[in-house]
Amino acid sequence: MKKYKIIITTGLLLSLVVFLSSCSSTESTYSKVDSNNIVYTKSGVQLWGENCVRCHSIPSPASYNDTDWETIGLHMKVRANLTSIESKKIFNFLKAAN
């Protein structure tokens, strides 16, 4: 019985670590060049996969038309706390892929 509790506790801790690492800040998507310049390094498809799947299953880009993606983009920029650059890259990818 003791062994069973240890296995469950270990599994829960590992799940928590995986969850917390997936919720890392958006700073990891930037690489600093100097104190005044930031170079964006991730593509729209990478950002889409990393950000959207945290809260819900991601629909196919063809699920919505360009106008729908614009509306969804405004809403999700606020809900997901996306930067302007991130939201532009994500929704440019989605509109290009539909």
N, C-alpha and C. Protein backbone atom coordinates (compact mmCIF):
# COMPACT_ATOMS: atom_id res chain seq x y z
N MET A 1 0.83 -1.19 0.00
CA MET A 1 0.00 0.00 0.00
C MET A 1 0.87 1.25 0.00
N LYS A 2 1.97 1.24 0.74
CA LYS A 2 2.87 2.38 0.81
C LYS A 2 3.51 2.65 -0.55
N LYS A 3 3.88 1.57 -1.24
CA LYS A 3 4.48 1.67 -2.56
C LYS A 3 3.51 2.32 -3.54
N TYR A 4 2.24 1.98 -3.44
CA TYR A 4 1.19 2.54 -4.29
C TYR A 4 1.06 4.04 -4.10
N LYS A 5 1.10 4.51 -2.86
CA LYS A 5 0.99 5.94 -2.56
C LYS A 5 2.20 6.70 -3.11
N ILE A 6 3.37 6.11 -3.04
CA ILE A 6 4.59 6.75 -3.56
C ILE A 6 4.49 6.89 -5.08
N ILE A 7 4.00 5.86 -5.74
CA ILE A 7 3.86 5.90 -7.20
C ILE A 7 2.86 6.98 -7.61
N ILE A 8 1.73 7.05 -6.93
CA ILE A 8 0.72 8.06 -7.25
C ILE A 8 1.26 9.46 -6.99
N THR A 9 1.93 9.66 -5.86
CA THR A 9 2.49 10.97 -5.53
C THR A 9 3.53 11.38 -6.56
N THR A 10 4.39 10.47 -6.96
CA THR A 10 5.40 10.76 -7.96
C THR A 10 4.75 11.14 -9.29
N GLY A 11 3.72 10.41 -9.68
CA GLY A 11 3.01 10.71 -10.92
C GLY A 11 2.36 12.08 -10.88
N LEU A 12 1.76 12.42 -9.76
CA LEU A 12 1.13 13.74 -9.63
C LEU A 12 2.17 14.86 -9.68
N LEU A 13 3.31 14.66 -9.04
CA LEU A 13 4.37 15.67 -9.07
C LEU A 13 4.92 15.85 -10.48
N LEU A 14 5.12 14.76 -11.19
CA LEU A 14 5.61 14.86 -12.57
C LEU A 14 4.59 15.57 -13.46
N SER A 15 3.31 15.28 -13.27
CA SER A 15 2.27 15.96 -14.04
C SER A 15 2.27 17.45 -13.76
N LEU A 16 2.46 17.82 -12.50
CA LEU A 16 2.51 19.23 -12.12
C LEU A 16 3.70 19.92 -12.77
N VAL A 17 4.84 19.27 -12.79
CA VAL A 17 6.04 19.85 -13.40
C VAL A 17 5.81 20.06 -14.90
N VAL A 18 5.23 19.07 -15.57
CA VAL A 18 4.97 19.20 -17.01
C VAL A 18 3.98 20.33 -17.27
N PHE A 19 2.94 20.41 -16.46
CA PHE A 19 1.95 21.48 -16.62
C PHE A 19 2.58 22.85 -16.41
N LEU A 20 3.35 23.01 -15.35
CA LEU A 20 3.96 24.30 -15.07
C LEU A 20 4.98 24.70 -16.12
N SER A 21 5.69 23.74 -16.66
CA SER A 21 6.67 24.08 -17.69
C SER A 21 5.97 24.50 -18.99
N SER A 22 4.77 23.98 -19.24
CA SER A 22 4.03 24.39 -20.44
C SER A 22 3.43 25.77 -20.28
N CYS A 23 3.34 26.26 -19.07
CA CYS A 23 2.78 27.59 -18.81
C CYS A 23 3.87 28.63 -18.60
N SER A 24 5.02 28.38 -19.16
CA SER A 24 6.13 29.32 -18.96
C SER A 24 5.81 30.66 -19.60
N SER A 25 6.51 31.68 -19.18
CA SER A 25 6.24 33.02 -19.69
C SER A 25 6.64 33.14 -21.15
N THR A 26 6.13 34.18 -21.80
CA THR A 26 6.42 34.37 -23.21
C THR A 26 7.84 34.86 -23.45
N GLU A 27 8.57 35.17 -22.39
CA GLU A 27 9.95 35.63 -22.57
C GLU A 27 10.80 34.60 -23.28
N SER A 28 10.44 33.31 -23.16
CA SER A 28 11.23 32.27 -23.80
C SER A 28 11.12 32.33 -25.33
N THR A 29 10.16 33.08 -25.85
CA THR A 29 10.02 33.19 -27.30
C THR A 29 10.86 34.32 -27.87
N TYR A 30 11.61 34.98 -27.05
CA TYR A 30 12.44 36.08 -27.49
C TYR A 30 13.91 35.75 -27.24
N SER A 31 14.78 36.33 -28.03
CA SER A 31 16.20 36.26 -27.70
C SER A 31 16.73 37.68 -27.69
N LYS A 32 17.36 38.06 -26.63
CA LYS A 32 17.82 39.44 -26.50
C LYS A 32 19.09 39.65 -27.29
N VAL A 33 19.11 40.71 -28.07
CA VAL A 33 20.29 41.07 -28.83
C VAL A 33 21.11 42.06 -28.02
N ASP A 34 20.46 43.07 -27.50
CA ASP A 34 21.09 44.00 -26.58
C ASP A 34 19.99 44.58 -25.71
N SER A 35 20.29 45.57 -24.90
CA SER A 35 19.31 46.08 -23.95
C SER A 35 18.15 46.80 -24.63
N ASN A 36 18.28 47.22 -25.89
CA ASN A 36 17.23 47.96 -26.57
C ASN A 36 16.50 47.18 -27.65
N ASN A 37 17.06 46.08 -28.12
CA ASN A 37 16.48 45.33 -29.23
C ASN A 37 16.12 43.92 -28.81
N ILE A 38 14.97 43.46 -29.28
CA ILE A 38 14.56 42.07 -29.06
C ILE A 38 14.24 41.48 -30.43
N VAL A 39 14.78 40.32 -30.70
CA VAL A 39 14.54 39.65 -31.97
C VAL A 39 13.58 38.49 -31.70
N TYR A 40 12.50 38.47 -32.43
CA TYR A 40 11.51 37.41 -32.28
C TYR A 40 11.99 36.17 -33.01
N THR A 41 11.91 35.01 -32.36
CA THR A 41 12.51 33.82 -32.94
C THR A 41 11.54 32.72 -33.35
N LYS A 42 10.30 32.73 -32.86
CA LYS A 42 9.38 31.64 -33.16
C LYS A 42 8.39 32.01 -34.26
N SER A 43 8.01 30.98 -35.03
CA SER A 43 7.07 31.20 -36.13
C SER A 43 5.63 31.17 -35.60
N GLY A 44 4.70 31.58 -36.46
CA GLY A 44 3.29 31.58 -36.09
C GLY A 44 2.78 30.19 -35.77
N VAL A 45 3.22 29.20 -36.53
CA VAL A 45 2.76 27.83 -36.28
C VAL A 45 3.29 27.32 -34.94
N GLN A 46 4.52 27.65 -34.58
CA GLN A 46 5.06 27.24 -33.29
C GLN A 46 4.29 27.90 -32.15
N LEU A 47 4.05 29.18 -32.27
CA LEU A 47 3.31 29.91 -31.23
C LEU A 47 1.89 29.39 -31.11
N TRP A 48 1.26 29.08 -32.24
CA TRP A 48 -0.10 28.55 -32.25
C TRP A 48 -0.15 27.22 -31.49
N GLY A 49 0.79 26.34 -31.80
CA GLY A 49 0.83 25.04 -31.12
C GLY A 49 1.14 25.16 -29.63
N GLU A 50 2.01 26.06 -29.27
CA GLU A 50 2.41 26.19 -27.86
C GLU A 50 1.38 26.92 -27.02
N ASN A 51 0.74 27.92 -27.56
CA ASN A 51 -0.17 28.74 -26.76
C ASN A 51 -1.60 28.23 -26.74
N CYS A 52 -2.12 27.84 -27.88
CA CYS A 52 -3.54 27.52 -27.96
C CYS A 52 -3.88 26.19 -27.29
N VAL A 53 -2.99 25.23 -27.39
CA VAL A 53 -3.25 23.91 -26.85
C VAL A 53 -3.21 23.90 -25.31
N ARG A 54 -2.71 24.95 -24.70
CA ARG A 54 -2.68 24.99 -23.24
C ARG A 54 -4.08 24.99 -22.64
N CYS A 55 -5.04 25.58 -23.33
CA CYS A 55 -6.38 25.73 -22.76
C CYS A 55 -7.46 24.93 -23.47
N HIS A 56 -7.28 24.61 -24.73
CA HIS A 56 -8.30 23.88 -25.47
C HIS A 56 -7.68 23.17 -26.66
N SER A 57 -8.47 22.27 -27.26
CA SER A 57 -7.97 21.61 -28.46
C SER A 57 -7.94 22.63 -29.59
N ILE A 58 -6.96 22.52 -30.43
CA ILE A 58 -6.80 23.51 -31.48
C ILE A 58 -7.54 23.07 -32.73
N PRO A 59 -8.38 23.96 -33.28
CA PRO A 59 -9.12 23.60 -34.49
C PRO A 59 -8.22 23.67 -35.72
N SER A 60 -8.67 23.05 -36.77
CA SER A 60 -7.96 23.14 -38.04
C SER A 60 -8.03 24.59 -38.53
N PRO A 61 -6.98 25.10 -39.14
CA PRO A 61 -7.03 26.46 -39.69
C PRO A 61 -8.18 26.64 -40.68
N ALA A 62 -8.60 25.56 -41.32
CA ALA A 62 -9.70 25.63 -42.29
C ALA A 62 -11.07 25.67 -41.62
N SER A 63 -11.12 25.56 -40.29
CA SER A 63 -12.40 25.57 -39.58
C SER A 63 -13.11 26.91 -39.67
N TYR A 64 -12.36 27.98 -39.86
CA TYR A 64 -12.93 29.32 -39.89
C TYR A 64 -12.38 30.09 -41.09
N ASN A 65 -13.13 31.11 -41.54
CA ASN A 65 -12.64 31.96 -42.62
C ASN A 65 -11.80 33.11 -42.04
N ASP A 66 -11.24 33.94 -42.89
CA ASP A 66 -10.36 35.03 -42.44
C ASP A 66 -11.06 35.99 -41.48
N THR A 67 -12.30 36.32 -41.76
CA THR A 67 -13.05 37.23 -40.90
C THR A 67 -13.25 36.62 -39.51
N ASP A 68 -13.59 35.34 -39.47
CA ASP A 68 -13.76 34.65 -38.19
C ASP A 68 -12.45 34.64 -37.41
N TRP A 69 -11.33 34.36 -38.10
CA TRP A 69 -10.04 34.33 -37.42
C TRP A 69 -9.67 35.71 -36.87
N GLU A 70 -10.05 36.78 -37.56
CA GLU A 70 -9.80 38.13 -37.05
C GLU A 70 -10.53 38.34 -35.73
N THR A 71 -11.80 37.94 -35.68
CA THR A 71 -12.60 38.09 -34.47
C THR A 71 -12.04 37.22 -33.34
N ILE A 72 -11.73 35.98 -33.66
CA ILE A 72 -11.15 35.07 -32.68
C ILE A 72 -9.82 35.62 -32.19
N GLY A 73 -9.04 36.19 -33.11
CA GLY A 73 -7.73 36.74 -32.76
C GLY A 73 -7.82 37.86 -31.74
N LEU A 74 -8.77 38.75 -31.91
CA LEU A 74 -8.93 39.84 -30.95
C LEU A 74 -9.28 39.30 -29.56
N HIS A 75 -10.18 38.33 -29.54
CA HIS A 75 -10.59 37.74 -28.27
C HIS A 75 -9.44 36.98 -27.60
N MET A 76 -8.76 36.15 -28.38
CA MET A 76 -7.72 35.30 -27.79
C MET A 76 -6.46 36.08 -27.43
N LYS A 77 -6.22 37.19 -28.09
CA LYS A 77 -5.07 38.02 -27.71
C LYS A 77 -5.21 38.45 -26.26
N VAL A 78 -6.42 38.83 -25.88
CA VAL A 78 -6.68 39.25 -24.51
C VAL A 78 -6.71 38.05 -23.57
N ARG A 79 -7.47 37.00 -23.94
CA ARG A 79 -7.62 35.83 -23.06
C ARG A 79 -6.30 35.11 -22.81
N ALA A 80 -5.48 34.99 -23.84
CA ALA A 80 -4.23 34.23 -23.73
C ALA A 80 -3.04 35.12 -23.38
N ASN A 81 -3.30 36.42 -23.22
CA ASN A 81 -2.24 37.37 -22.88
C ASN A 81 -1.10 37.33 -23.90
N LEU A 82 -1.48 37.38 -25.18
CA LEU A 82 -0.50 37.35 -26.27
C LEU A 82 0.01 38.75 -26.55
N THR A 83 1.25 38.85 -26.94
CA THR A 83 1.78 40.14 -27.37
C THR A 83 1.26 40.43 -28.77
N SER A 84 1.41 41.65 -29.23
CA SER A 84 0.97 42.01 -30.58
C SER A 84 1.70 41.18 -31.64
N ILE A 85 2.99 41.00 -31.43
CA ILE A 85 3.79 40.22 -32.38
C ILE A 85 3.31 38.78 -32.42
N GLU A 86 3.08 38.18 -31.24
CA GLU A 86 2.62 36.80 -31.18
C GLU A 86 1.28 36.64 -31.88
N SER A 87 0.33 37.51 -31.57
CA SER A 87 -0.99 37.37 -32.16
C SER A 87 -0.95 37.58 -33.67
N LYS A 88 -0.16 38.53 -34.16
CA LYS A 88 -0.04 38.73 -35.61
C LYS A 88 0.52 37.50 -36.28
N LYS A 89 1.58 36.92 -35.71
CA LYS A 89 2.19 35.74 -36.31
C LYS A 89 1.22 34.55 -36.32
N ILE A 90 0.53 34.34 -35.20
CA ILE A 90 -0.40 33.22 -35.11
C ILE A 90 -1.53 33.37 -36.13
N PHE A 91 -2.15 34.54 -36.15
CA PHE A 91 -3.32 34.70 -37.00
C PHE A 91 -2.97 34.90 -38.47
N ASN A 92 -1.78 35.37 -38.77
CA ASN A 92 -1.32 35.38 -40.17
C ASN A 92 -1.14 33.95 -40.65
N PHE A 93 -0.59 33.09 -39.79
CA PHE A 93 -0.45 31.67 -40.14
C PHE A 93 -1.82 31.04 -40.38
N LEU A 94 -2.77 31.28 -39.45
CA LEU A 94 -4.09 30.65 -39.57
C LEU A 94 -4.82 31.11 -40.83
N LYS A 95 -4.72 32.40 -41.14
CA LYS A 95 -5.39 32.91 -42.34
C LYS A 95 -4.71 32.37 -43.62
N ALA A 96 -3.41 32.21 -43.59
CA ALA A 96 -2.70 31.68 -44.76
C ALA A 96 -2.98 30.19 -44.96
N ALA A 97 -3.26 29.48 -43.87
CA ALA A 97 -3.44 28.03 -43.94
C ALA A 97 -4.87 27.62 -44.22
N ASN A 98 -5.83 28.55 -44.19
CA ASN A 98 -7.23 28.12 -44.40
C ASN A 98 -7.67 28.20 -45.84
